[in-house]
């Protein structure tokens, strides 16, 4: 009976650690524009959807974080007014990956894609 209780402990302590080394890449989000009120929607480093409001004269809005190579990136800026423009950029190490621009009243600029 004691052997039945001890065996699972022995087996579990003998398991190998097959940890995989994952390299993350630094990503930069940037929102610019002349719109006086902008709502930003984006995916963060965990893939969760977040929102942020940008008040007048606080652009450019920037966010940097690190993600795995196969991560889905999403950045949208919505102009909440009838004037101005919004522009979004997603880059890696200064290299532009995705971008969009919109100067329509109440328009949105959206950039998204998978990181390679």
C-alpha atoms as a PDB file:
ATOM      1  CA  UNK A   1       0.000   0.000   0.000  1.00  0.00           C
ATOM      2  CA  UNK A   2       2.827   2.389   0.841  1.00  0.00           C
ATOM      3  CA  UNK A   3       4.373   1.660  -2.551  1.00  0.00           C
ATOM      4  CA  UNK A   4       1.157   2.788  -4.292  1.00  0.00           C
ATOM      5  CA  UNK A   5       1.275   6.101  -2.445  1.00  0.00           C
ATOM      6  CA  UNK A   6       4.985   6.751  -3.069  1.00  0.00           C
ATOM      7  CA  UNK A   7       5.136   5.732  -6.770  1.00  0.00           C
ATOM      8  CA  UNK A   8       3.300   8.820  -8.123  1.00  0.00           C
ATOM      9  CA  UNK A   9       5.717  11.056  -6.222  1.00  0.00           C
ATOM     10  CA  UNK A  10       8.742   9.255  -7.642  1.00  0.00           C
ATOM     11  CA  UNK A  11       7.387   9.333 -11.190  1.00  0.00           C
ATOM     12  CA  UNK A  12       6.436  13.008 -11.055  1.00  0.00           C
ATOM     13  CA  UNK A  13       9.840  13.999  -9.693  1.00  0.00           C
ATOM     14  CA  UNK A  14      11.572  12.214 -12.581  1.00  0.00           C
ATOM     15  CA  UNK A  15       9.830  14.157 -15.345  1.00  0.00           C
ATOM     16  CA  UNK A  16      12.107  16.147 -17.592  1.00  0.00           C
ATOM     17  CA  UNK A  17      11.705  19.882 -17.995  1.00  0.00           C
ATOM     18  CA  UNK A  18      11.134  20.405 -21.701  1.00  0.00           C
ATOM     19  CA  UNK A  19      10.850  24.181 -21.482  1.00  0.00           C
ATOM     20  CA  UNK A  20      10.888  25.901 -24.844  1.00  0.00           C
ATOM     21  CA  UNK A  21      12.871  29.070 -25.173  1.00  0.00           C
ATOM     22  CA  UNK A  22      10.625  31.767 -26.640  1.00  0.00           C
ATOM     23  CA  UNK A  23      12.075  34.939 -28.104  1.00  0.00           C
ATOM     24  CA  UNK A  24       9.887  38.006 -27.905  1.00  0.00           C
ATOM     25  CA  UNK A  25      10.012  40.954 -30.249  1.00  0.00           C
ATOM     26  CA  UNK A  26       9.582  44.580 -29.227  1.00  0.00           C
ATOM     27  CA  UNK A  27       6.595  46.258 -30.865  1.00  0.00           C
ATOM     28  CA  UNK A  28       5.772  49.960 -30.985  1.00  0.00           C
ATOM     29  CA  UNK A  29       2.257  51.346 -31.401  1.00  0.00           C
ATOM     30  CA  UNK A  30       1.851  54.983 -32.388  1.00  0.00           C
ATOM     31  CA  UNK A  31      -1.250  57.135 -32.874  1.00  0.00           C
ATOM     32  CA  UNK A  32      -1.060  60.622 -34.336  1.00  0.00           C
ATOM     33  CA  UNK A  33      -3.662  63.079 -35.494  1.00  0.00           C
ATOM     34  CA  UNK A  34      -5.204  66.498 -35.383  1.00  0.00           C
ATOM     35  CA  UNK A  35      -8.588  65.287 -34.136  1.00  0.00           C
ATOM     36  CA  UNK A  36      -9.315  66.814 -30.745  1.00  0.00           C
ATOM     37  CA  UNK A  37     -10.773  63.616 -29.293  1.00  0.00           C
ATOM     38  CA  UNK A  38      -9.529  60.135 -30.218  1.00  0.00           C
ATOM     39  CA  UNK A  39     -10.450  56.716 -28.851  1.00  0.00           C
ATOM     40  CA  UNK A  40      -7.701  54.098 -29.233  1.00  0.00           C
ATOM     41  CA  UNK A  41      -8.453  50.362 -29.260  1.00  0.00           C
ATOM     42  CA  UNK A  42      -5.535  47.903 -29.296  1.00  0.00           C
ATOM     43  CA  UNK A  43      -4.290  44.448 -28.358  1.00  0.00           C
ATOM     44  CA  UNK A  44      -1.713  44.378 -25.590  1.00  0.00           C
ATOM     45  CA  UNK A  45       1.210  42.029 -24.892  1.00  0.00           C
ATOM     46  CA  UNK A  46      -1.193  39.308 -23.691  1.00  0.00           C
ATOM     47  CA  UNK A  47      -3.527  39.655 -26.682  1.00  0.00           C
ATOM     48  CA  UNK A  48      -6.215  41.351 -24.600  1.00  0.00           C
ATOM     49  CA  UNK A  49      -8.231  44.204 -26.123  1.00  0.00           C
ATOM     50  CA  UNK A  50      -7.731  47.561 -24.390  1.00  0.00           C
ATOM     51  CA  UNK A  51      -9.112  51.061 -24.880  1.00  0.00           C
ATOM     52  CA  UNK A  52      -7.647  54.474 -24.180  1.00  0.00           C
ATOM     53  CA  UNK A  53      -8.899  57.985 -24.728  1.00  0.00           C
ATOM     54  CA  UNK A  54      -6.611  60.679 -26.077  1.00  0.00           C
ATOM     55  CA  UNK A  55      -7.339  64.238 -25.036  1.00  0.00           C
ATOM     56  CA  UNK A  56      -6.482  67.291 -27.138  1.00  0.00           C
ATOM     57  CA  UNK A  57      -2.778  67.984 -27.611  1.00  0.00           C
ATOM     58  CA  UNK A  58      -1.633  64.622 -26.225  1.00  0.00           C
ATOM     59  CA  UNK A  59      -0.634  63.062 -29.537  1.00  0.00           C
ATOM     60  CA  UNK A  60       1.425  61.248 -30.484  1.00  0.00           C
ATOM     61  CA  UNK A  61       0.224  58.450 -28.230  1.00  0.00           C
ATOM     62  CA  UNK A  62       2.785  55.637 -27.968  1.00  0.00           C
ATOM     63  CA  UNK A  63       2.946  52.181 -26.445  1.00  0.00           C
ATOM     64  CA  UNK A  64       5.819  49.670 -26.527  1.00  0.00           C
ATOM     65  CA  UNK A  65       5.778  46.033 -25.433  1.00  0.00           C
ATOM     66  CA  UNK A  66       7.192  42.606 -26.362  1.00  0.00           C
ATOM     67  CA  UNK A  67       5.292  39.685 -27.909  1.00  0.00           C
ATOM     68  CA  UNK A  68       5.920  36.268 -29.453  1.00  0.00           C
ATOM     69  CA  UNK A  69       6.496  35.982 -33.196  1.00  0.00           C
ATOM     70  CA  UNK A  70       3.028  34.689 -34.035  1.00  0.00           C
ATOM     71  CA  UNK A  71       1.120  37.365 -32.085  1.00  0.00           C
ATOM     72  CA  UNK A  72      -1.834  39.180 -33.631  1.00  0.00           C
ATOM     73  CA  UNK A  73      -1.414  42.962 -33.476  1.00  0.00           C
ATOM     74  CA  UNK A  74      -4.314  45.408 -33.676  1.00  0.00           C
ATOM     75  CA  UNK A  75      -4.390  49.192 -33.374  1.00  0.00           C
ATOM     76  CA  UNK A  76      -7.335  51.457 -34.168  1.00  0.00           C
ATOM     77  CA  UNK A  77      -7.812  55.189 -33.659  1.00  0.00           C
ATOM     78  CA  UNK A  78     -11.338  56.591 -33.953  1.00  0.00           C
ATOM     79  CA  UNK A  79     -11.855  60.302 -34.527  1.00  0.00           C
ATOM     80  CA  UNK A  80     -14.707  61.275 -32.199  1.00  0.00           C
ATOM     81  CA  UNK A  81     -15.190  64.673 -33.869  1.00  0.00           C
ATOM     82  CA  UNK A  82     -16.151  66.015 -37.271  1.00  0.00           C
ATOM     83  CA  UNK A  83     -12.731  67.570 -37.956  1.00  0.00           C
ATOM     84  CA  UNK A  84      -9.109  66.451 -38.114  1.00  0.00           C
ATOM     85  CA  UNK A  85      -7.370  63.222 -39.024  1.00  0.00           C
ATOM     86  CA  UNK A  86      -6.110  60.069 -37.288  1.00  0.00           C
ATOM     87  CA  UNK A  87      -3.132  57.912 -38.206  1.00  0.00           C
ATOM     88  CA  UNK A  88      -1.916  54.625 -36.697  1.00  0.00           C
ATOM     89  CA  UNK A  89       1.402  52.800 -37.045  1.00  0.00           C
ATOM     90  CA  UNK A  90       2.690  49.457 -35.808  1.00  0.00           C
ATOM     91  CA  UNK A  91       6.447  48.982 -36.069  1.00  0.00           C
ATOM     92  CA  UNK A  92       9.221  46.624 -34.991  1.00  0.00           C
ATOM     93  CA  UNK A  93      12.735  47.976 -34.414  1.00  0.00           C
ATOM     94  CA  UNK A  94      11.840  51.142 -36.319  1.00  0.00           C
ATOM     95  CA  UNK A  95      10.558  49.210 -39.343  1.00  0.00           C
ATOM     96  CA  UNK A  96       6.934  49.980 -40.219  1.00  0.00           C
ATOM     97  CA  UNK A  97       4.819  46.803 -40.292  1.00  0.00           C
ATOM     98  CA  UNK A  98       1.231  48.099 -40.564  1.00  0.00           C
ATOM     99  CA  UNK A  99      -0.312  51.551 -40.876  1.00  0.00           C
ATOM    100  CA  UNK A 100      -3.493  53.415 -41.808  1.00  0.00           C
ATOM    101  CA  UNK A 101      -4.733  57.000 -42.152  1.00  0.00           C
ATOM    102  CA  UNK A 102      -8.207  58.546 -42.166  1.00  0.00           C
ATOM    103  CA  UNK A 103      -9.274  62.183 -42.495  1.00  0.00           C
ATOM    104  CA  UNK A 104     -13.032  61.634 -42.727  1.00  0.00           C
ATOM    105  CA  UNK A 105     -15.333  63.125 -40.095  1.00  0.00           C
ATOM    106  CA  UNK A 106     -15.728  60.533 -37.311  1.00  0.00           C
ATOM    107  CA  UNK A 107     -13.438  58.218 -39.297  1.00  0.00           C
ATOM    108  CA  UNK A 108     -11.252  55.382 -38.037  1.00  0.00           C
ATOM    109  CA  UNK A 109      -7.735  54.303 -38.948  1.00  0.00           C
ATOM    110  CA  UNK A 110      -7.029  50.613 -38.343  1.00  0.00           C
ATOM    111  CA  UNK A 111      -3.784  48.642 -38.633  1.00  0.00           C
ATOM    112  CA  UNK A 112      -3.569  44.928 -37.890  1.00  0.00           C
ATOM    113  CA  UNK A 113      -1.823  41.710 -38.769  1.00  0.00           C
ATOM    114  CA  UNK A 114       0.219  38.792 -37.502  1.00  0.00           C
ATOM    115  CA  UNK A 115       3.819  39.370 -36.442  1.00  0.00           C
ATOM    116  CA  UNK A 116       6.273  37.240 -38.418  1.00  0.00           C
END
